[in-house]
Protein backbone atom coordinates (compact mmCIF):
# COMPACT_ATOMS: atom_id res chain seq x y z
CA MET A 1 20.71 -145.58 116.62
CA PHE A 2 20.63 -142.27 114.63
CA LYS A 3 23.45 -140.77 116.72
CA CYS A 4 25.54 -143.86 116.56
CA PHE A 5 25.42 -144.04 112.77
CA THR A 6 26.33 -140.34 112.58
CA VAL A 7 29.27 -140.61 114.50
CA LEU A 8 30.36 -143.69 112.37
CA LEU A 9 29.58 -141.66 109.26
CA VAL A 10 31.61 -138.92 110.38
CA ALA A 11 34.41 -141.07 111.57
CA SER A 12 34.55 -142.74 108.20
CA LEU A 13 34.85 -139.45 106.20
CA ALA A 14 37.51 -138.11 108.44
CA LEU A 15 39.49 -141.37 107.70
CA LEU A 16 39.00 -141.25 104.20
CA GLY A 17 40.19 -137.63 104.02
CA CYS A 18 43.45 -138.60 105.71
CA ASP A 19 44.86 -140.47 102.67
CA ARG A 20 44.48 -137.32 100.52
CA VAL A 21 47.49 -135.14 99.40
CA ASP A 22 47.19 -131.61 100.31
CA PRO A 23 46.70 -129.89 96.82
CA ASN A 24 48.53 -126.79 97.94
CA SER A 25 51.67 -128.87 99.02
CA PRO A 26 54.77 -129.54 96.69
CA LEU A 27 53.82 -133.09 96.64
CA GLY A 28 50.18 -132.00 95.67
CA GLN A 29 51.47 -129.38 93.18
CA ARG A 30 53.62 -131.75 91.05
CA LYS A 31 51.23 -134.48 91.07
CA ALA A 32 48.66 -132.53 89.53
CA ILE A 33 50.88 -131.22 86.99
CA PHE A 34 52.02 -134.75 86.06
CA LYS A 35 48.38 -135.86 85.67
CA GLN A 36 48.02 -132.85 83.42
CA MET A 37 50.86 -133.89 81.42
CA LEU A 38 49.92 -137.66 81.24
CA ASN A 39 46.39 -136.58 79.90
CA THR A 40 47.76 -134.14 77.09
CA SER A 41 50.37 -136.52 76.18
CA GLU A 42 47.86 -139.20 75.85
CA ASP A 43 45.58 -136.94 73.70
CA LEU A 44 48.47 -136.01 71.22
CA GLY A 45 49.39 -139.56 71.14
CA GLY A 46 46.08 -140.60 70.43
CA MET A 47 45.81 -138.52 67.56
CA LEU A 48 49.07 -139.77 66.18
CA ARG A 49 48.07 -143.43 66.66
CA GLY A 50 44.31 -143.17 65.29
CA ARG A 51 42.71 -143.60 68.61
CA LEU A 52 41.52 -139.89 68.33
CA PRO A 53 40.67 -138.20 65.26
CA PHE A 54 43.53 -136.01 64.04
CA ASP A 55 42.99 -132.13 64.39
CA GLY A 56 45.83 -130.05 63.48
CA ASP A 57 44.80 -127.06 65.51
CA LYS A 58 44.14 -129.21 68.59
CA PHE A 59 47.42 -130.97 68.39
CA ALA A 60 49.22 -127.86 68.04
CA ALA A 61 47.65 -126.29 70.90
CA GLY A 62 48.13 -129.33 72.88
CA ALA A 63 51.94 -129.20 72.06
CA ILE A 64 52.18 -125.79 73.58
CA LYS A 65 50.21 -126.73 76.69
CA LEU A 66 52.43 -129.69 76.88
CA ASP A 67 55.80 -127.71 76.74
CA GLY A 68 54.33 -125.47 79.33
CA LEU A 69 53.68 -128.26 81.73
CA ALA A 70 57.04 -129.64 80.96
CA HIS A 71 58.74 -126.47 82.76
CA ALA A 72 56.21 -126.52 85.61
CA PRO A 73 56.95 -129.51 88.00
CA TRP A 74 60.56 -128.92 88.69
CA LYS A 75 59.98 -126.13 91.09
CA HIS A 76 57.65 -128.13 93.47
CA PHE A 77 60.77 -130.82 94.14
CA MET A 78 62.11 -129.26 97.46
CA GLN A 79 66.01 -129.65 97.98
CA VAL A 80 65.08 -132.18 100.75
CA GLN A 81 62.76 -135.25 100.02
CA ASP A 82 59.26 -134.25 101.56
CA GLY A 83 56.83 -136.68 103.08
CA GLY A 84 53.77 -138.15 101.59
CA ASP A 85 52.61 -140.82 99.10
CA SER A 86 55.05 -140.05 96.27
CA SER A 87 55.82 -141.78 93.27
CA ALA A 88 59.37 -140.33 93.26
CA ARG A 89 62.35 -142.58 94.42
CA ALA A 90 64.72 -141.21 96.70
CA GLU A 91 67.36 -141.01 94.07
CA VAL A 92 65.45 -137.72 92.89
CA TRP A 93 67.02 -136.14 96.07
CA GLN A 94 70.25 -138.04 95.95
CA ARG A 95 70.99 -137.45 92.46
CA GLN A 96 69.81 -134.22 91.71
CA ALA A 97 71.96 -133.26 88.82
CA ARG A 98 70.94 -136.35 86.78
CA PHE A 99 67.28 -135.71 87.67
CA GLU A 100 67.75 -131.72 86.41
CA GLU A 101 69.38 -133.07 83.29
CA LEU A 102 66.48 -135.23 82.45
CA ALA A 103 64.07 -132.51 83.21
CA ARG A 104 65.93 -130.18 80.80
CA GLN A 105 65.83 -133.00 78.10
CA LEU A 106 62.07 -132.88 78.60
CA GLU A 107 61.91 -129.44 77.89
CA GLY A 108 63.89 -129.48 74.93
CA VAL A 109 61.88 -132.30 73.03
CA THR A 110 58.53 -130.56 74.21
CA GLY A 111 59.90 -127.35 72.55
CA LYS A 112 60.83 -129.25 69.52
CA LEU A 113 57.38 -130.67 69.36
CA VAL A 114 55.84 -126.91 69.54
CA ALA A 115 58.11 -126.17 66.65
CA ALA A 116 57.44 -129.10 64.65
CA SER A 117 53.53 -128.47 65.22
CA SER A 118 54.23 -124.93 63.95
CA ASN A 119 54.70 -125.79 60.46
CA LYS A 120 51.19 -125.80 58.65
CA PRO A 121 49.39 -127.72 57.46
CA LEU A 122 50.12 -130.49 60.01
CA ASN A 123 49.93 -134.32 59.31
CA ALA A 124 50.42 -136.92 61.90
CA ALA A 125 53.32 -138.29 60.04
CA GLN A 126 55.57 -135.27 60.34
CA LEU A 127 54.71 -135.01 64.29
CA GLN A 128 55.50 -138.77 64.93
CA ALA A 129 59.12 -138.52 65.44
CA PRO A 130 59.16 -135.35 67.87
CA MET A 131 56.12 -136.77 69.87
CA ASP A 132 58.37 -140.08 70.13
CA LYS A 133 61.17 -138.00 71.61
CA VAL A 134 58.89 -136.71 74.11
CA GLU A 135 57.64 -140.05 75.14
CA ALA A 136 61.09 -141.38 75.18
CA ALA A 137 62.19 -138.55 77.54
CA CYS A 138 59.19 -139.09 79.97
CA LYS A 139 60.11 -142.93 80.03
CA ALA A 140 63.77 -142.33 80.54
CA CYS A 141 62.89 -140.11 83.67
CA HIS A 142 60.57 -142.49 84.98
CA THR A 143 63.00 -145.48 84.60
CA GLU A 144 65.57 -143.80 86.76
CA PHE A 145 63.44 -141.88 89.08
CA ARG A 146 59.80 -143.07 89.72
CA ASN A 147 58.40 -146.05 91.41
CA HIS A 148 56.43 -147.97 89.39
């Protein structure tokens, strides 16, 4: 009985592992970066919307982090569509010029957010417009290139 249970447990664990994305694969790398981008963006937006207390130093550090992350995932999109459970539509690889254009737009607006957050003392009102542009850039790319 114990032997049967052990075999079933090992088999179950092996099957659970099959759904996981290799964290070192291009898909795993970009998923990790996009998750960090989402978490950072949610914290920044939360500070501006009153969900989190506004802290100018934390906001400025978060803007710098978001800008760095905004430049990172694109190198993990290979020229040919990779396998795996990706949220990216096939259009990413079929319309690469447009995809790259939207990536550069995101990089531009995160850079402007960093610039806006370097004007001390910071207040939430002065950062709302640049943050809105970051969120709009994210949404534009998701609308065209992400499976929802």
